[in-house]
PDB file of N, CA and C in Angstrom:
ATOM      1  N   MET A   1     -88.059 -17.058  97.467  1.00  0.00           N
ATOM      2  CA  MET A   1     -88.424 -16.645  96.125  1.00  0.00           C
ATOM      3  C   MET A   1     -87.165 -16.235  95.367  1.00  0.00           C
ATOM      4  N   ALA A   2     -86.672 -17.119  94.561  1.00  0.00           N
ATOM      5  CA  ALA A   2     -85.509 -16.834  93.738  1.00  0.00           C
ATOM      6  C   ALA A   2     -85.959 -16.402  92.350  1.00  0.00           C
ATOM      7  N   ARG A   3     -85.585 -15.190  91.990  1.00  0.00           N
ATOM      8  CA  ARG A   3     -85.945 -14.697  90.657  1.00  0.00           C
ATOM      9  C   ARG A   3     -84.888 -15.173  89.666  1.00  0.00           C
ATOM     10  N   ILE A   4     -85.361 -15.660  88.533  1.00  0.00           N
ATOM     11  CA  ILE A   4     -84.465 -16.119  87.479  1.00  0.00           C
ATOM     12  C   ILE A   4     -84.817 -15.389  86.186  1.00  0.00           C
ATOM     13  N   THR A   5     -83.854 -15.337  85.282  1.00  0.00           N
ATOM     14  CA  THR A   5     -84.081 -14.736  83.973  1.00  0.00           C
ATOM     15  C   THR A   5     -83.964 -15.816  82.913  1.00  0.00           C
ATOM     16  N   ASN A   6     -84.967 -15.902  82.048  1.00  0.00           N
ATOM     17  CA  ASN A   6     -84.968 -16.832  80.921  1.00  0.00           C
ATOM     18  C   ASN A   6     -84.718 -16.044  79.653  1.00  0.00           C
ATOM     19  N   TYR A   7     -83.877 -16.597  78.773  1.00  0.00           N
ATOM     20  CA  TYR A   7     -83.568 -15.982  77.487  1.00  0.00           C
ATOM     21  C   TYR A   7     -84.131 -16.886  76.401  1.00  0.00           C
ATOM     22  N   VAL A   8     -84.942 -16.312  75.519  1.00  0.00           N
ATOM     23  CA  VAL A   8     -85.666 -17.102  74.520  1.00  0.00           C
ATOM     24  C   VAL A   8     -85.518 -16.478  73.134  1.00  0.00           C
ATOM     25  N   VAL A   9     -85.368 -17.344  72.123  1.00  0.00           N
ATOM     26  CA  VAL A   9     -85.414 -16.914  70.729  1.00  0.00           C
ATOM     27  C   VAL A   9     -86.661 -17.544  70.124  1.00  0.00           C
ATOM     28  N   GLN A  10     -87.554 -16.694  69.598  1.00  0.00           N
ATOM     29  CA  GLN A  10     -88.803 -17.159  69.001  1.00  0.00           C
ATOM     30  C   GLN A  10     -88.831 -16.790  67.522  1.00  0.00           C
ATOM     31  N   PRO A  11     -88.656 -17.783  66.626  1.00  0.00           N
ATOM     32  CA  PRO A  11     -88.764 -17.515  65.192  1.00  0.00           C
ATOM     33  C   PRO A  11     -90.215 -17.663  64.718  1.00  0.00           C
ATOM     34  N   TYR A  12     -90.524 -17.003  63.602  1.00  0.00           N
ATOM     35  CA  TYR A  12     -91.847 -17.074  62.988  1.00  0.00           C
ATOM     36  C   TYR A  12     -91.713 -17.466  61.527  1.00  0.00           C
ATOM     37  N   ILE A  13     -92.632 -18.333  61.084  1.00  0.00           N
ATOM     38  CA  ILE A  13     -92.673 -18.795  59.707  1.00  0.00           C
ATOM     39  C   ILE A  13     -94.040 -18.457  59.125  1.00  0.00           C
ATOM     40  N   ALA A  14     -94.225 -18.766  57.848  1.00  0.00           N
ATOM     41  CA  ALA A  14     -95.491 -18.462  57.185  1.00  0.00           C
ATOM     42  C   ALA A  14     -96.612 -19.329  57.758  1.00  0.00           C
ATOM     43  N   GLY A  15     -97.726 -18.676  58.046  1.00  0.00           N
ATOM     44  CA  GLY A  15     -98.920 -19.375  58.499  1.00  0.00           C
ATOM     45  C   GLY A  15     -99.937 -19.396  57.363  1.00  0.00           C
ATOM     46  N   ARG A  16    -101.191 -19.538  57.699  1.00  0.00           N
ATOM     47  CA  ARG A  16    -102.238 -19.520  56.690  1.00  0.00           C
ATOM     48  C   ARG A  16    -102.417 -18.121  56.125  1.00  0.00           C
ATOM     49  N   GLY A  17    -102.610 -18.056  54.839  1.00  0.00           N
ATOM     50  CA  GLY A  17    -102.779 -16.757  54.200  1.00  0.00           C
ATOM     51  C   GLY A  17    -101.536 -15.907  54.405  1.00  0.00           C
ATOM     52  N   ALA A  18    -101.737 -14.711  54.921  1.00  0.00           N
ATOM     53  CA  ALA A  18    -100.614 -13.812  55.172  1.00  0.00           C
ATOM     54  C   ALA A  18    -100.183 -13.853  56.633  1.00  0.00           C
ATOM     55  N   GLY A  19    -100.716 -14.813  57.375  1.00  0.00           N
ATOM     56  CA  GLY A  19    -100.439 -14.875  58.813  1.00  0.00           C
ATOM     57  C   GLY A  19     -99.070 -15.430  59.150  1.00  0.00           C
ATOM     58  N   LEU A  20     -98.706 -15.262  60.390  1.00  0.00           N
ATOM     59  CA  LEU A  20     -97.460 -15.797  60.924  1.00  0.00           C
ATOM     60  C   LEU A  20     -97.761 -16.995  61.818  1.00  0.00           C
ATOM     61  N   LYS A  21     -96.814 -17.912  61.872  1.00  0.00           N
ATOM     62  CA  LYS A  21     -96.940 -19.069  62.746  1.00  0.00           C
ATOM     63  C   LYS A  21     -95.654 -19.161  63.561  1.00  0.00           C
ATOM     64  N   ALA A  22     -95.790 -19.304  64.873  1.00  0.00           N
ATOM     65  CA  ALA A  22     -94.621 -19.449  65.732  1.00  0.00           C
ATOM     66  C   ALA A  22     -93.952 -20.790  65.472  1.00  0.00           C
ATOM     67  N   ASP A  23     -92.659 -20.759  65.207  1.00  0.00           N
ATOM     68  CA  ASP A  23     -91.862 -21.967  65.075  1.00  0.00           C
ATOM     69  C   ASP A  23     -91.407 -22.354  66.490  1.00  0.00           C
ATOM     70  N   SER A  24     -90.652 -23.395  66.630  1.00  0.00           N
ATOM     71  CA  SER A  24     -90.207 -23.842  67.957  1.00  0.00           C
ATOM     72  C   SER A  24     -89.282 -22.817  68.599  1.00  0.00           C
ATOM     73  N   PRO A  25     -89.582 -22.410  69.837  1.00  0.00           N
ATOM     74  CA  PRO A  25     -88.700 -21.472  70.530  1.00  0.00           C
ATOM     75  C   PRO A  25     -87.442 -22.187  71.023  1.00  0.00           C
ATOM     76  N   THR A  26     -86.383 -21.418  71.219  1.00  0.00           N
ATOM     77  CA  THR A  26     -85.124 -21.961  71.712  1.00  0.00           C
ATOM     78  C   THR A  26     -84.710 -21.209  72.960  1.00  0.00           C
ATOM     79  N   ALA A  27     -84.406 -21.932  74.030  1.00  0.00           N
ATOM     80  CA  ALA A  27     -83.894 -21.326  75.257  1.00  0.00           C
ATOM     81  C   ALA A  27     -82.389 -21.145  75.128  1.00  0.00           C
ATOM     82  N   CYS A  28     -81.883 -20.022  75.632  1.00  0.00           N
ATOM     83  CA  CYS A  28     -80.453 -19.728  75.581  1.00  0.00           C
ATOM     84  C   CYS A  28     -79.947 -19.449  76.991  1.00  0.00           C
ATOM     85  N   LYS A  29     -78.622 -19.515  77.157  1.00  0.00           N
ATOM     86  CA  LYS A  29     -78.024 -19.329  78.479  1.00  0.00           C
ATOM     87  C   LYS A  29     -77.763 -17.878  78.843  1.00  0.00           C
ATOM     88  N   SER A  30     -77.713 -16.986  77.840  1.00  0.00           N
ATOM     89  CA  SER A  30     -77.412 -15.591  78.134  1.00  0.00           C
ATOM     90  C   SER A  30     -78.082 -14.689  77.101  1.00  0.00           C
ATOM     91  N   ALA A  31     -78.109 -13.401  77.404  1.00  0.00           N
ATOM     92  CA  ALA A  31     -78.671 -12.430  76.472  1.00  0.00           C
ATOM     93  C   ALA A  31     -77.861 -12.405  75.179  1.00  0.00           C
ATOM     94  N   GLU A  32     -76.553 -12.455  75.290  1.00  0.00           N
ATOM     95  CA  GLU A  32     -75.698 -12.418  74.102  1.00  0.00           C
ATOM     96  C   GLU A  32     -75.905 -13.664  73.240  1.00  0.00           C
ATOM     97  N   ALA A  33     -76.035 -14.826  73.848  1.00  0.00           N
ATOM     98  CA  ALA A  33     -76.275 -16.060  73.098  1.00  0.00           C
ATOM     99  C   ALA A  33     -77.614 -15.985  72.366  1.00  0.00           C
ATOM    100  N   ALA A  34     -78.629 -15.437  73.014  1.00  0.00           N
ATOM    101  CA  ALA A  34     -79.942 -15.295  72.378  1.00  0.00           C
ATOM    102  C   ALA A  34     -79.868 -14.330  71.209  1.00  0.00           C
ATOM    103  N   ARG A  35     -79.177 -13.215  71.386  1.00  0.00           N
ATOM    104  CA  ARG A  35     -79.040 -12.225  70.315  1.00  0.00           C
ATOM    105  C   ARG A  35     -78.317 -12.830  69.110  1.00  0.00           C
ATOM    106  N   ARG A  36     -77.219 -13.546  69.358  1.00  0.00           N
ATOM    107  CA  ARG A  36     -76.459 -14.160  68.260  1.00  0.00           C
ATOM    108  C   ARG A  36     -77.298 -15.187  67.513  1.00  0.00           C
ATOM    109  N   MET A  37     -78.027 -16.022  68.246  1.00  0.00           N
ATOM    110  CA  MET A  37     -78.849 -17.034  67.599  1.00  0.00           C
ATOM    111  C   MET A  37     -79.941 -16.389  66.745  1.00  0.00           C
ATOM    112  N   ALA A  38     -80.583 -15.350  67.266  1.00  0.00           N
ATOM    113  CA  ALA A  38     -81.639 -14.659  66.518  1.00  0.00           C
ATOM    114  C   ALA A  38     -81.079 -14.024  65.250  1.00  0.00           C
ATOM    115  N   GLU A  39     -79.896 -13.430  65.344  1.00  0.00           N
ATOM    116  CA  GLU A  39     -79.261 -12.825  64.164  1.00  0.00           C
ATOM    117  C   GLU A  39     -78.986 -13.878  63.088  1.00  0.00           C
ATOM    118  N   LYS A  40     -78.563 -15.071  63.513  1.00  0.00           N
ATOM    119  CA  LYS A  40     -78.295 -16.148  62.556  1.00  0.00           C
ATOM    120  C   LYS A  40     -79.571 -16.670  61.906  1.00  0.00           C
ATOM    121  N   MET A  41     -80.676 -16.707  62.675  1.00  0.00           N
ATOM    122  CA  MET A  41     -81.944 -17.216  62.153  1.00  0.00           C
ATOM    123  C   MET A  41     -82.650 -16.223  61.229  1.00  0.00           C
ATOM    124  N   ALA A  42     -82.420 -14.948  61.430  1.00  0.00           N
ATOM    125  CA  ALA A  42     -83.182 -13.893  60.757  1.00  0.00           C
ATOM    126  C   ALA A  42     -83.270 -14.038  59.235  1.00  0.00           C
ATOM    127  N   PRO A  43     -82.189 -14.357  58.522  1.00  0.00           N
ATOM    128  CA  PRO A  43     -82.312 -14.445  57.056  1.00  0.00           C
ATOM    129  C   PRO A  43     -83.216 -15.577  56.563  1.00  0.00           C
ATOM    130  N   ASP A  44     -83.434 -16.602  57.395  1.00  0.00           N
ATOM    131  CA  ASP A  44     -84.198 -17.781  56.972  1.00  0.00           C
ATOM    132  C   ASP A  44     -85.627 -17.825  57.498  1.00  0.00           C
ATOM    133  N   ARG A  45     -86.054 -16.808  58.238  1.00  0.00           N
ATOM    134  CA  ARG A  45     -87.400 -16.784  58.830  1.00  0.00           C
ATOM    135  C   ARG A  45     -88.117 -15.503  58.423  1.00  0.00           C
ATOM    136  N   LEU A  46     -89.433 -15.522  58.486  1.00  0.00           N
ATOM    137  CA  LEU A  46     -90.193 -14.298  58.214  1.00  0.00           C
ATOM    138  C   LEU A  46     -89.952 -13.277  59.314  1.00  0.00           C
ATOM    139  N   GLY A  47     -89.736 -13.751  60.517  1.00  0.00           N
ATOM    140  CA  GLY A  47     -89.461 -12.878  61.646  1.00  0.00           C
ATOM    141  C   GLY A  47     -88.809 -13.661  62.756  1.00  0.00           C
ATOM    142  N   VAL A  48     -88.092 -12.958  63.610  1.00  0.00           N
ATOM    143  CA  VAL A  48     -87.467 -13.593  64.767  1.00  0.00           C
ATOM    144  C   VAL A  48     -87.291 -12.537  65.857  1.00  0.00           C
ATOM    145  N   VAL A  49     -87.522 -12.965  67.083  1.00  0.00           N
ATOM    146  CA  VAL A  49     -87.335 -12.079  68.233  1.00  0.00           C
ATOM    147  C   VAL A  49     -86.593 -12.837  69.322  1.00  0.00           C
ATOM    148  N   ALA A  50     -85.626 -12.146  69.945  1.00  0.00           N
ATOM    149  CA  ALA A  50     -84.946 -12.671  71.131  1.00  0.00           C
ATOM    150  C   ALA A  50     -85.383 -11.794  72.287  1.00  0.00           C
ATOM    151  N   TYR A  51     -85.746 -12.425  73.386  1.00  0.00           N
ATOM    152  CA  TYR A  51     -86.211 -11.651  74.534  1.00  0.00           C
ATOM    153  C   TYR A  51     -85.863 -12.361  75.834  1.00  0.00           C
ATOM    154  N   SER A  52     -85.985 -11.619  76.929  1.00  0.00           N
ATOM    155  CA  SER A  52     -85.779 -12.208  78.247  1.00  0.00           C
ATOM    156  C   SER A  52     -86.983 -11.903  79.120  1.00  0.00           C
ATOM    157  N   THR A  53     -87.247 -12.809  80.035  1.00  0.00           N
ATOM    158  CA  THR A  53     -88.283 -12.613  81.051  1.00  0.00           C
ATOM    159  C   THR A  53     -87.676 -12.967  82.398  1.00  0.00           C
ATOM    160  N   THR A  54     -88.059 -12.220  83.407  1.00  0.00           N
ATOM    161  CA  THR A  54     -87.541 -12.445  84.752  1.00  0.00           C
ATOM    162  C   THR A  54     -88.709 -12.702  85.688  1.00  0.00           C
ATOM    163  N   GLY A  55     -88.526 -13.687  86.545  1.00  0.00           N
ATOM    164  CA  GLY A  55     -89.593 -13.983  87.483  1.00  0.00           C
ATOM    165  C   GLY A  55     -89.231 -15.098  88.431  1.00  0.00           C
ATOM    166  N   ASP A  56     -90.230 -15.528  89.169  1.00  0.00           N
ATOM    167  CA  ASP A  56     -90.080 -16.586  90.159  1.00  0.00           C
ATOM    168  C   ASP A  56     -90.713 -17.854  89.606  1.00  0.00           C
ATOM    169  N   ALA A  57     -89.888 -18.848  89.321  1.00  0.00           N
ATOM    170  CA  ALA A  57     -90.381 -20.090  88.733  1.00  0.00           C
ATOM    171  C   ALA A  57     -91.308 -20.851  89.686  1.00  0.00           C
ATOM    172  N   GLU A  58     -91.088 -20.726  90.983  1.00  0.00           N
ATOM    173  CA  GLU A  58     -91.905 -21.448  91.957  1.00  0.00           C
ATOM    174  C   GLU A  58     -93.340 -20.934  91.991  1.00  0.00           C
ATOM    175  N   THR A  59     -93.489 -19.613  91.925  1.00  0.00           N
ATOM    176  CA  THR A  59     -94.830 -19.029  92.001  1.00  0.00           C
ATOM    177  C   THR A  59     -95.442 -18.772  90.631  1.00  0.00           C
ATOM    178  N   GLY A  60     -94.594 -18.774  89.578  1.00  0.00           N
ATOM    179  CA  GLY A  60     -95.087 -18.472  88.239  1.00  0.00           C
ATOM    180  C   GLY A  60     -95.288 -16.982  88.011  1.00  0.00           C
ATOM    181  N   ASP A  61     -94.759 -16.151  88.894  1.00  0.00           N
ATOM    182  CA  ASP A  61     -94.906 -14.709  88.801  1.00  0.00           C
ATOM    183  C   ASP A  61     -93.766 -14.122  87.968  1.00  0.00           C
ATOM    184  N   TYR A  62     -94.060 -13.767  86.715  1.00  0.00           N
ATOM    185  CA  TYR A  62     -93.063 -13.219  85.805  1.00  0.00           C
ATOM    186  C   TYR A  62     -93.435 -11.791  85.434  1.00  0.00           C
ATOM    187  N   ASP A  63     -92.422 -11.011  85.024  1.00  0.00           N
ATOM    188  CA  ASP A  63     -92.663  -9.655  84.549  1.00  0.00           C
ATOM    189  C   ASP A  63     -93.693  -9.686  83.427  1.00  0.00           C
ATOM    190  N   GLU A  64     -94.536  -8.664  83.376  1.00  0.00           N
ATOM    191  CA  GLU A  64     -95.589  -8.622  82.363  1.00  0.00           C
ATOM    192  C   GLU A  64     -95.047  -8.430  80.953  1.00  0.00           C
ATOM    193  N   GLU A  65     -94.050  -7.578  80.803  1.00  0.00           N
ATOM    194  CA  GLU A  65     -93.481  -7.288  79.492  1.00  0.00           C
ATOM    195  C   GLU A  65     -92.077  -7.874  79.382  1.00  0.00           C
ATOM    196  N   PRO A  66     -91.809  -8.652  78.341  1.00  0.00           N
ATOM    197  CA  PRO A  66     -90.447  -9.164  78.165  1.00  0.00           C
ATOM    198  C   PRO A  66     -89.512  -8.039  77.718  1.00  0.00           C
ATOM    199  N   GLU A  67     -88.232  -8.206  77.996  1.00  0.00           N
ATOM    200  CA  GLU A  67     -87.226  -7.269  77.503  1.00  0.00           C
ATOM    201  C   GLU A  67     -86.760  -7.767  76.138  1.00  0.00           C
ATOM    202  N   ILE A  68     -86.961  -6.953  75.108  1.00  0.00           N
ATOM    203  CA  ILE A  68     -86.581  -7.331  73.752  1.00  0.00           C
ATOM    204  C   ILE A  68     -85.075  -7.135  73.584  1.00  0.00           C
ATOM    205  N   LEU A  69     -84.401  -8.186  73.140  1.00  0.00           N
ATOM    206  CA  LEU A  69     -82.957  -8.150  72.931  1.00  0.00           C
ATOM    207  C   LEU A  69     -82.606  -7.962  71.465  1.00  0.00           C
ATOM    208  N   PHE A  70     -83.457  -8.496  70.578  1.00  0.00           N
ATOM    209  CA  PHE A  70     -83.240  -8.418  69.125  1.00  0.00           C
ATOM    210  C   PHE A  70     -84.557  -8.696  68.449  1.00  0.00           C
ATOM    211  N   ARG A  71     -84.838  -8.013  67.349  1.00  0.00           N
ATOM    212  CA  ARG A  71     -86.009  -8.345  66.540  1.00  0.00           C
ATOM    213  C   ARG A  71     -85.717  -8.019  65.081  1.00  0.00           C
ATOM    214  N   ALA A  72     -86.296  -8.828  64.200  1.00  0.00           N
ATOM    215  CA  ALA A  72     -86.119  -8.629  62.764  1.00  0.00           C
ATOM    216  C   ALA A  72     -87.318  -9.222  62.029  1.00  0.00           C
ATOM    217  N   GLY A  73     -87.671  -8.620  60.914  1.00  0.00           N
ATOM    218  CA  GLY A  73     -88.740  -9.141  60.067  1.00  0.00           C
ATOM    219  C   GLY A  73     -90.121  -8.858  60.616  1.00  0.00           C
ATOM    220  N   ARG A  74     -91.087  -9.630  60.125  1.00  0.00           N
ATOM    221  CA  ARG A  74     -92.479  -9.492  60.559  1.00  0.00           C
ATOM    222  C   ARG A  74     -92.682 -10.203  61.890  1.00  0.00           C
ATOM    223  N   LEU A  75     -93.339  -9.514  62.804  1.00  0.00           N
ATOM    224  CA  LEU A  75     -93.573 -10.083  64.124  1.00  0.00           C
ATOM    225  C   LEU A  75     -95.004  -9.812  64.566  1.00  0.00           C
ATOM    226  N   PRO A  76     -95.538 -10.630  65.476  1.00  0.00           N
ATOM    227  CA  PRO A  76     -96.856 -10.369  66.029  1.00  0.00           C
ATOM    228  C   PRO A  76     -96.871  -9.032  66.784  1.00  0.00           C
ATOM    229  N   GLU A  77     -98.050  -8.500  66.970  1.00  0.00           N
ATOM    230  CA  GLU A  77     -98.242  -7.207  67.622  1.00  0.00           C
ATOM    231  C   GLU A  77     -97.502  -7.105  68.958  1.00  0.00           C
ATOM    232  N   GLN A  78     -97.509  -8.168  69.752  1.00  0.00           N
ATOM    233  CA  GLN A  78     -96.897  -8.101  71.080  1.00  0.00           C
ATOM    234  C   GLN A  78     -95.401  -7.818  71.033  1.00  0.00           C
ATOM    235  N   PHE A  79     -94.736  -8.120  69.905  1.00  0.00           N
ATOM    236  CA  PHE A  79     -93.313  -7.873  69.768  1.00  0.00           C
ATOM    237  C   PHE A  79     -92.982  -6.725  68.824  1.00  0.00           C
ATOM    238  N   ALA A  80     -94.003  -6.107  68.235  1.00  0.00           N
ATOM    239  CA  ALA A  80     -93.769  -4.995  67.315  1.00  0.00           C
ATOM    240  C   ALA A  80     -93.204  -3.807  68.088  1.00  0.00           C
ATOM    241  N   GLY A  81     -92.285  -3.121  67.486  1.00  0.00           N
ATOM    242  CA  GLY A  81     -91.639  -2.018  68.186  1.00  0.00           C
ATOM    243  C   GLY A  81     -92.022  -0.763  67.606  1.00  0.00           C
TER     244      GLY A  81
END
């Protein structure tokens, strides 16, 4: 069981009405790379969050709560701080 850490940047754009819609997520190689990418995206999106998850890819067993690396703008409840 090899535990790995995934770094993800998830931007959000306007959805229907006042809702948010997840745009395409981007995988990054490190926490710093994810943070930098999220900072660059922030001015052009309604919201953006960079986070990491750690787990075992073979079993699909990942930590329940992601570690938030960066957040800006409007975000869904699960990423609200």
